[in-house]
Amino acid sequence: MSPEREEMLCKPNLNLFPNATIVDGRYFWGFECLDGWYDLLNNALSLVSARCEIAPDCEPVTVLEVKEKFGGLRIYYRGGDDYVCGVFNLAEVMSVNICAICGSRVGNRRMHYHHPRCDLHYES
């Protein structure tokens, strides 16, 4: 993921990324996926972060790894509750229908070297 987008995911959700690194005032964590899944990750992380703040019985969540695996997003984490599990599972399921490059919807599960691609990016 590009450094700019990685920072936009980390900075508002620092409670989920206790191991984030600050370099020259920018936050880095180590997302191993392409920028097309930024919106999906941003929404999922925002929901989980808000859940951790408002639910007293929700264990603190620590995101351990976010990567692409077999054409889909994988989010490994510790803590949370059933709601957190549902949010991350939904993000993983939705990712296989989203272009990993641009974030557009992918029709008919078009894969290119295990990455979902829209018609525009399928050939490149």
N, C-alpha and C. Protein backbone atom coordinates (compact mmCIF):
# COMPACT_ATOMS: atom_id res chain seq x y z
N MET A 1 0.86 -1.17 0.00
CA MET A 1 0.00 0.00 0.00
C MET A 1 0.90 1.22 0.00
N SER A 2 0.44 2.27 -0.64
CA SER A 2 1.24 3.49 -0.71
C SER A 2 1.39 4.10 0.68
N PRO A 3 2.52 4.76 0.93
CA PRO A 3 2.75 5.36 2.26
C PRO A 3 1.67 6.36 2.66
N GLU A 4 1.14 7.12 1.70
CA GLU A 4 0.11 8.11 2.01
C GLU A 4 -1.16 7.44 2.52
N ARG A 5 -1.58 6.40 1.83
CA ARG A 5 -2.81 5.70 2.24
C ARG A 5 -2.59 4.92 3.54
N GLU A 6 -1.40 4.39 3.69
CA GLU A 6 -1.11 3.67 4.93
C GLU A 6 -1.21 4.60 6.13
N GLU A 7 -0.70 5.80 5.98
CA GLU A 7 -0.80 6.76 7.07
C GLU A 7 -2.25 7.14 7.34
N MET A 8 -3.05 7.29 6.27
CA MET A 8 -4.46 7.63 6.44
C MET A 8 -5.25 6.51 7.14
N LEU A 9 -4.77 5.29 7.06
CA LEU A 9 -5.40 4.19 7.79
C LEU A 9 -4.92 4.11 9.23
N CYS A 10 -3.64 4.35 9.44
CA CYS A 10 -3.05 4.21 10.78
C CYS A 10 -3.41 5.36 11.71
N LYS A 11 -3.24 6.58 11.24
CA LYS A 11 -3.32 7.74 12.13
C LYS A 11 -4.64 7.83 12.91
N PRO A 12 -5.81 7.70 12.26
CA PRO A 12 -7.05 7.80 13.05
C PRO A 12 -7.37 6.54 13.86
N ASN A 13 -6.64 5.46 13.62
CA ASN A 13 -6.92 4.19 14.30
C ASN A 13 -5.70 3.68 15.06
N LEU A 14 -4.96 4.56 15.68
CA LEU A 14 -3.72 4.15 16.36
C LEU A 14 -3.96 3.14 17.47
N ASN A 15 -5.16 3.14 18.05
CA ASN A 15 -5.45 2.16 19.09
C ASN A 15 -5.42 0.72 18.54
N LEU A 16 -5.62 0.55 17.23
CA LEU A 16 -5.58 -0.77 16.62
C LEU A 16 -4.17 -1.17 16.19
N PHE A 17 -3.28 -0.19 16.10
CA PHE A 17 -1.92 -0.42 15.61
C PHE A 17 -0.88 0.06 16.61
N PRO A 18 -0.76 -0.61 17.75
CA PRO A 18 0.19 -0.14 18.76
C PRO A 18 1.65 -0.22 18.31
N ASN A 19 1.93 -1.02 17.28
CA ASN A 19 3.29 -1.16 16.79
C ASN A 19 3.58 -0.29 15.58
N ALA A 20 2.73 0.69 15.32
CA ALA A 20 2.97 1.59 14.18
C ALA A 20 4.27 2.35 14.40
N THR A 21 4.97 2.59 13.31
CA THR A 21 6.25 3.28 13.35
C THR A 21 6.06 4.70 12.85
N ILE A 22 6.72 5.64 13.49
CA ILE A 22 6.67 7.03 13.04
C ILE A 22 8.01 7.38 12.43
N VAL A 23 7.98 7.74 11.13
CA VAL A 23 9.19 8.14 10.41
C VAL A 23 8.93 9.51 9.82
N ASP A 24 9.73 10.48 10.19
CA ASP A 24 9.57 11.86 9.71
C ASP A 24 8.15 12.37 9.92
N GLY A 25 7.56 12.03 11.06
CA GLY A 25 6.22 12.50 11.38
C GLY A 25 5.09 11.75 10.68
N ARG A 26 5.41 10.68 9.94
CA ARG A 26 4.40 9.90 9.23
C ARG A 26 4.29 8.52 9.87
N TYR A 27 3.08 8.00 9.90
CA TYR A 27 2.82 6.70 10.51
C TYR A 27 2.90 5.59 9.46
N PHE A 28 3.60 4.53 9.81
CA PHE A 28 3.71 3.36 8.95
C PHE A 28 3.45 2.12 9.80
N TRP A 29 2.87 1.12 9.16
CA TRP A 29 2.59 -0.09 9.89
C TRP A 29 3.00 -1.34 9.12
N GLY A 30 2.77 -1.38 7.82
CA GLY A 30 3.18 -2.54 7.03
C GLY A 30 2.05 -3.31 6.38
N PHE A 31 1.11 -2.59 5.78
CA PHE A 31 0.04 -3.25 5.04
C PHE A 31 0.64 -3.93 3.82
N GLU A 32 0.27 -5.19 3.58
CA GLU A 32 0.79 -5.95 2.45
C GLU A 32 -0.32 -6.18 1.43
N CYS A 33 -0.88 -5.09 0.94
CA CYS A 33 -1.92 -5.18 -0.07
C CYS A 33 -1.87 -3.93 -0.93
N LEU A 34 -2.63 -3.93 -2.00
CA LEU A 34 -2.63 -2.79 -2.93
C LEU A 34 -3.64 -1.74 -2.50
N ASP A 35 -3.55 -0.56 -3.12
CA ASP A 35 -4.37 0.59 -2.75
C ASP A 35 -5.86 0.43 -3.04
N GLY A 36 -6.23 -0.48 -3.90
CA GLY A 36 -7.64 -0.65 -4.25
C GLY A 36 -8.52 -1.03 -3.08
N TRP A 37 -7.96 -1.60 -2.07
CA TRP A 37 -8.74 -2.01 -0.91
C TRP A 37 -8.73 -0.97 0.20
N TYR A 38 -8.21 0.21 -0.09
CA TYR A 38 -8.13 1.27 0.92
C TYR A 38 -9.50 1.59 1.52
N ASP A 39 -10.51 1.88 0.69
CA ASP A 39 -11.84 2.26 1.20
C ASP A 39 -12.44 1.14 2.06
N LEU A 40 -12.30 -0.07 1.61
CA LEU A 40 -12.81 -1.21 2.36
C LEU A 40 -12.13 -1.30 3.73
N LEU A 41 -10.81 -1.19 3.75
CA LEU A 41 -10.07 -1.22 5.01
C LEU A 41 -10.39 -0.03 5.90
N ASN A 42 -10.50 1.14 5.29
CA ASN A 42 -10.80 2.35 6.06
C ASN A 42 -12.14 2.21 6.79
N ASN A 43 -13.15 1.73 6.09
CA ASN A 43 -14.46 1.54 6.71
C ASN A 43 -14.43 0.47 7.80
N ALA A 44 -13.77 -0.65 7.53
CA ALA A 44 -13.71 -1.73 8.51
C ALA A 44 -12.95 -1.28 9.77
N LEU A 45 -11.82 -0.62 9.58
CA LEU A 45 -11.03 -0.18 10.73
C LEU A 45 -11.76 0.89 11.54
N SER A 46 -12.49 1.76 10.86
CA SER A 46 -13.26 2.79 11.56
C SER A 46 -14.36 2.17 12.40
N LEU A 47 -15.05 1.17 11.85
CA LEU A 47 -16.10 0.48 12.60
C LEU A 47 -15.53 -0.24 13.82
N VAL A 48 -14.42 -0.91 13.64
CA VAL A 48 -13.81 -1.65 14.75
C VAL A 48 -13.28 -0.70 15.81
N SER A 49 -12.65 0.38 15.39
CA SER A 49 -12.12 1.36 16.33
C SER A 49 -13.25 1.97 17.17
N ALA A 50 -14.35 2.31 16.51
CA ALA A 50 -15.50 2.88 17.21
C ALA A 50 -16.10 1.85 18.18
N ARG A 51 -16.17 0.61 17.75
CA ARG A 51 -16.70 -0.46 18.62
C ARG A 51 -15.87 -0.59 19.90
N CYS A 52 -14.56 -0.53 19.74
CA CYS A 52 -13.67 -0.66 20.90
C CYS A 52 -13.85 0.50 21.88
N GLU A 53 -14.21 1.66 21.36
CA GLU A 53 -14.40 2.83 22.21
C GLU A 53 -15.73 2.82 22.96
N ILE A 54 -16.78 2.29 22.33
CA ILE A 54 -18.12 2.41 22.94
C ILE A 54 -18.60 1.15 23.66
N ALA A 55 -18.03 -0.01 23.33
CA ALA A 55 -18.51 -1.26 23.94
C ALA A 55 -17.62 -1.63 25.13
N PRO A 56 -18.16 -1.58 26.33
CA PRO A 56 -17.34 -1.86 27.51
C PRO A 56 -16.85 -3.31 27.59
N ASP A 57 -17.59 -4.24 26.99
CA ASP A 57 -17.19 -5.64 27.07
C ASP A 57 -16.34 -6.11 25.89
N CYS A 58 -16.01 -5.21 24.98
CA CYS A 58 -15.17 -5.54 23.83
C CYS A 58 -13.70 -5.48 24.24
N GLU A 59 -13.00 -6.58 24.05
CA GLU A 59 -11.57 -6.59 24.35
C GLU A 59 -10.84 -5.65 23.40
N PRO A 60 -9.76 -5.02 23.85
CA PRO A 60 -8.98 -4.17 22.94
C PRO A 60 -8.50 -4.98 21.74
N VAL A 61 -8.56 -4.38 20.56
CA VAL A 61 -8.18 -5.06 19.33
C VAL A 61 -6.78 -4.61 18.91
N THR A 62 -5.95 -5.57 18.57
CA THR A 62 -4.64 -5.29 17.99
C THR A 62 -4.59 -5.97 16.63
N VAL A 63 -4.41 -5.18 15.59
CA VAL A 63 -4.28 -5.74 14.24
C VAL A 63 -2.85 -6.22 14.09
N LEU A 64 -2.70 -7.49 13.74
CA LEU A 64 -1.38 -8.10 13.64
C LEU A 64 -0.83 -8.09 12.23
N GLU A 65 -1.71 -8.31 11.24
CA GLU A 65 -1.27 -8.39 9.85
C GLU A 65 -2.45 -8.13 8.93
N VAL A 66 -2.19 -7.39 7.86
CA VAL A 66 -3.18 -7.16 6.81
C VAL A 66 -2.46 -7.43 5.50
N LYS A 67 -2.96 -8.41 4.74
CA LYS A 67 -2.27 -8.77 3.51
C LYS A 67 -3.24 -9.37 2.50
N GLU A 68 -2.74 -9.55 1.29
CA GLU A 68 -3.49 -10.23 0.24
C GLU A 68 -3.08 -11.69 0.27
N LYS A 69 -4.08 -12.57 0.19
CA LYS A 69 -3.79 -14.00 0.15
C LYS A 69 -4.85 -14.68 -0.69
N PHE A 70 -4.43 -15.41 -1.70
CA PHE A 70 -5.32 -16.13 -2.60
C PHE A 70 -6.41 -15.23 -3.19
N GLY A 71 -6.03 -14.01 -3.56
CA GLY A 71 -6.95 -13.11 -4.22
C GLY A 71 -7.89 -12.36 -3.32
N GLY A 72 -7.70 -12.43 -2.03
CA GLY A 72 -8.57 -11.72 -1.11
C GLY A 72 -7.78 -11.10 0.02
N LEU A 73 -8.42 -10.22 0.70
CA LEU A 73 -7.83 -9.54 1.84
C LEU A 73 -7.86 -10.46 3.04
N ARG A 74 -6.80 -10.48 3.82
CA ARG A 74 -6.76 -11.24 5.07
C ARG A 74 -6.37 -10.27 6.19
N ILE A 75 -7.15 -10.28 7.25
CA ILE A 75 -6.89 -9.41 8.39
C ILE A 75 -6.72 -10.31 9.61
N TYR A 76 -5.52 -10.31 10.15
CA TYR A 76 -5.22 -11.08 11.34
C TYR A 76 -5.17 -10.12 12.52
N TYR A 77 -5.85 -10.48 13.60
CA TYR A 77 -5.95 -9.57 14.73
C TYR A 77 -6.10 -10.36 16.02
N ARG A 78 -5.99 -9.66 17.12
CA ARG A 78 -6.16 -10.24 18.45
C ARG A 78 -7.18 -9.39 19.19
N GLY A 79 -8.03 -10.03 19.99
CA GLY A 79 -9.01 -9.31 20.79
C GLY A 79 -10.34 -9.16 20.08
N GLY A 80 -11.14 -8.20 20.56
CA GLY A 80 -12.43 -7.92 19.95
C GLY A 80 -13.55 -8.78 20.48
N ASP A 81 -14.65 -8.78 19.74
CA ASP A 81 -15.83 -9.56 20.08
C ASP A 81 -16.46 -10.05 18.79
N ASP A 82 -17.68 -10.56 18.86
CA ASP A 82 -18.35 -11.08 17.67
C ASP A 82 -18.56 -10.00 16.61
N TYR A 83 -18.84 -8.77 17.04
CA TYR A 83 -19.03 -7.67 16.11
C TYR A 83 -17.75 -7.42 15.31
N VAL A 84 -16.63 -7.35 16.00
CA VAL A 84 -15.34 -7.13 15.35
C VAL A 84 -15.04 -8.26 14.37
N CYS A 85 -15.28 -9.47 14.79
CA CYS A 85 -15.08 -10.63 13.91
C CYS A 85 -15.94 -10.51 12.66
N GLY A 86 -17.19 -10.11 12.83
CA GLY A 86 -18.10 -9.94 11.69
C GLY A 86 -17.65 -8.86 10.73
N VAL A 87 -17.19 -7.74 11.26
CA VAL A 87 -16.72 -6.63 10.41
C VAL A 87 -15.52 -7.07 9.58
N PHE A 88 -14.54 -7.70 10.22
CA PHE A 88 -13.35 -8.13 9.49
C PHE A 88 -13.66 -9.26 8.51
N ASN A 89 -14.54 -10.17 8.87
CA ASN A 89 -14.93 -11.23 7.94
C ASN A 89 -15.65 -10.66 6.73
N LEU A 90 -16.53 -9.69 6.95
CA LEU A 90 -17.23 -9.06 5.83
C LEU A 90 -16.24 -8.36 4.90
N ALA A 91 -15.28 -7.66 5.45
CA ALA A 91 -14.27 -6.99 4.62
C ALA A 91 -13.49 -8.00 3.78
N GLU A 92 -13.15 -9.12 4.37
CA GLU A 92 -12.42 -10.15 3.64
C GLU A 92 -13.25 -10.72 2.50
N VAL A 93 -14.52 -10.99 2.78
CA VAL A 93 -15.41 -11.55 1.75
C VAL A 93 -15.63 -10.55 0.62
N MET A 94 -15.83 -9.29 0.97
CA MET A 94 -16.08 -8.26 -0.05
C MET A 94 -14.85 -8.01 -0.92
N SER A 95 -13.66 -8.20 -0.38
CA SER A 95 -12.43 -7.87 -1.11
C SER A 95 -12.26 -8.65 -2.40
N VAL A 96 -12.78 -9.85 -2.48
CA VAL A 96 -12.60 -10.65 -3.69
C VAL A 96 -13.39 -10.10 -4.87
N ASN A 97 -14.28 -9.15 -4.63
CA ASN A 97 -15.06 -8.53 -5.70
C ASN A 97 -14.69 -7.07 -5.91
N ILE A 98 -13.52 -6.68 -5.41
CA ILE A 98 -13.04 -5.30 -5.54
C ILE A 98 -11.66 -5.32 -6.18
N CYS A 99 -11.47 -4.52 -7.22
CA CYS A 99 -10.18 -4.44 -7.89
C CYS A 99 -9.11 -4.01 -6.89
N ALA A 100 -8.06 -4.80 -6.79
CA ALA A 100 -6.98 -4.53 -5.85
C ALA A 100 -6.18 -3.29 -6.22
N ILE A 101 -6.32 -2.82 -7.46
CA ILE A 101 -5.57 -1.65 -7.91
C ILE A 101 -6.35 -0.35 -7.74
N CYS A 102 -7.61 -0.34 -8.21
CA CYS A 102 -8.36 0.93 -8.22
C CYS A 102 -9.57 0.95 -7.30
N GLY A 103 -10.01 -0.20 -6.81
CA GLY A 103 -11.16 -0.24 -5.92
C GLY A 103 -12.50 -0.38 -6.63
N SER A 104 -12.50 -0.52 -7.94
CA SER A 104 -13.75 -0.70 -8.69
C SER A 104 -14.28 -2.12 -8.47
N ARG A 105 -15.57 -2.26 -8.74
CA ARG A 105 -16.17 -3.58 -8.62
C ARG A 105 -15.64 -4.50 -9.71
N VAL A 106 -15.38 -5.75 -9.33
CA VAL A 106 -14.86 -6.75 -10.25
C VAL A 106 -16.01 -7.67 -10.63
N GLY A 107 -16.25 -7.79 -11.92
CA GLY A 107 -17.31 -8.68 -12.38
C GLY A 107 -16.79 -10.09 -12.60
N ASN A 108 -17.60 -11.07 -12.29
CA ASN A 108 -17.30 -12.48 -12.56
C ASN A 108 -16.00 -12.96 -11.95
N ARG A 109 -15.61 -12.37 -10.82
CA ARG A 109 -14.41 -12.84 -10.08
C ARG A 109 -13.21 -12.98 -11.00
N ARG A 110 -12.87 -11.92 -11.71
CA ARG A 110 -11.72 -11.93 -12.62
C ARG A 110 -10.43 -11.82 -11.83
N MET A 111 -9.59 -12.82 -11.97
CA MET A 111 -8.34 -12.86 -11.23
C MET A 111 -7.17 -12.68 -12.19
N HIS A 112 -6.16 -12.01 -11.71
CA HIS A 112 -4.93 -11.83 -12.47
C HIS A 112 -3.79 -12.07 -11.50
N TYR A 113 -3.14 -13.20 -11.61
CA TYR A 113 -2.10 -13.59 -10.66
C TYR A 113 -2.60 -13.47 -9.22
N HIS A 114 -3.77 -14.01 -8.97
CA HIS A 114 -4.39 -14.05 -7.64
C HIS A 114 -4.89 -12.72 -7.13
N HIS A 115 -4.86 -11.67 -7.91
CA HIS A 115 -5.41 -10.38 -7.47
C HIS A 115 -6.68 -10.11 -8.26
N PRO A 116 -7.79 -9.75 -7.61
CA PRO A 116 -8.99 -9.38 -8.36
C PRO A 116 -8.72 -8.10 -9.14
N ARG A 117 -9.16 -8.08 -10.39
CA ARG A 117 -8.93 -6.92 -11.24
C ARG A 117 -10.20 -6.55 -12.00
N CYS A 118 -10.41 -5.25 -12.17
CA CYS A 118 -11.52 -4.77 -13.00
C CYS A 118 -11.12 -4.96 -14.47
N ASP A 119 -12.05 -4.70 -15.37
CA ASP A 119 -11.75 -4.87 -16.79
C ASP A 119 -10.60 -3.98 -17.24
N LEU A 120 -10.52 -2.77 -16.71
CA LEU A 120 -9.45 -1.85 -17.07
C LEU A 120 -8.07 -2.36 -16.69
N HIS A 121 -7.96 -2.95 -15.51
CA HIS A 121 -6.65 -3.39 -15.01
C HIS A 121 -6.36 -4.88 -15.23
N TYR A 122 -7.31 -5.59 -15.81
CA TYR A 122 -7.10 -7.02 -16.00
C TYR A 122 -5.96 -7.31 -16.97
N GLU A 123 -5.88 -6.55 -18.03
CA GLU A 123 -4.86 -6.78 -19.06
C GLU A 123 -3.49 -6.26 -18.69
N SER A 124 -3.43 -5.30 -17.76
CA SER A 124 -2.11 -4.72 -17.43
C SER A 124 -1.40 -5.44 -16.33
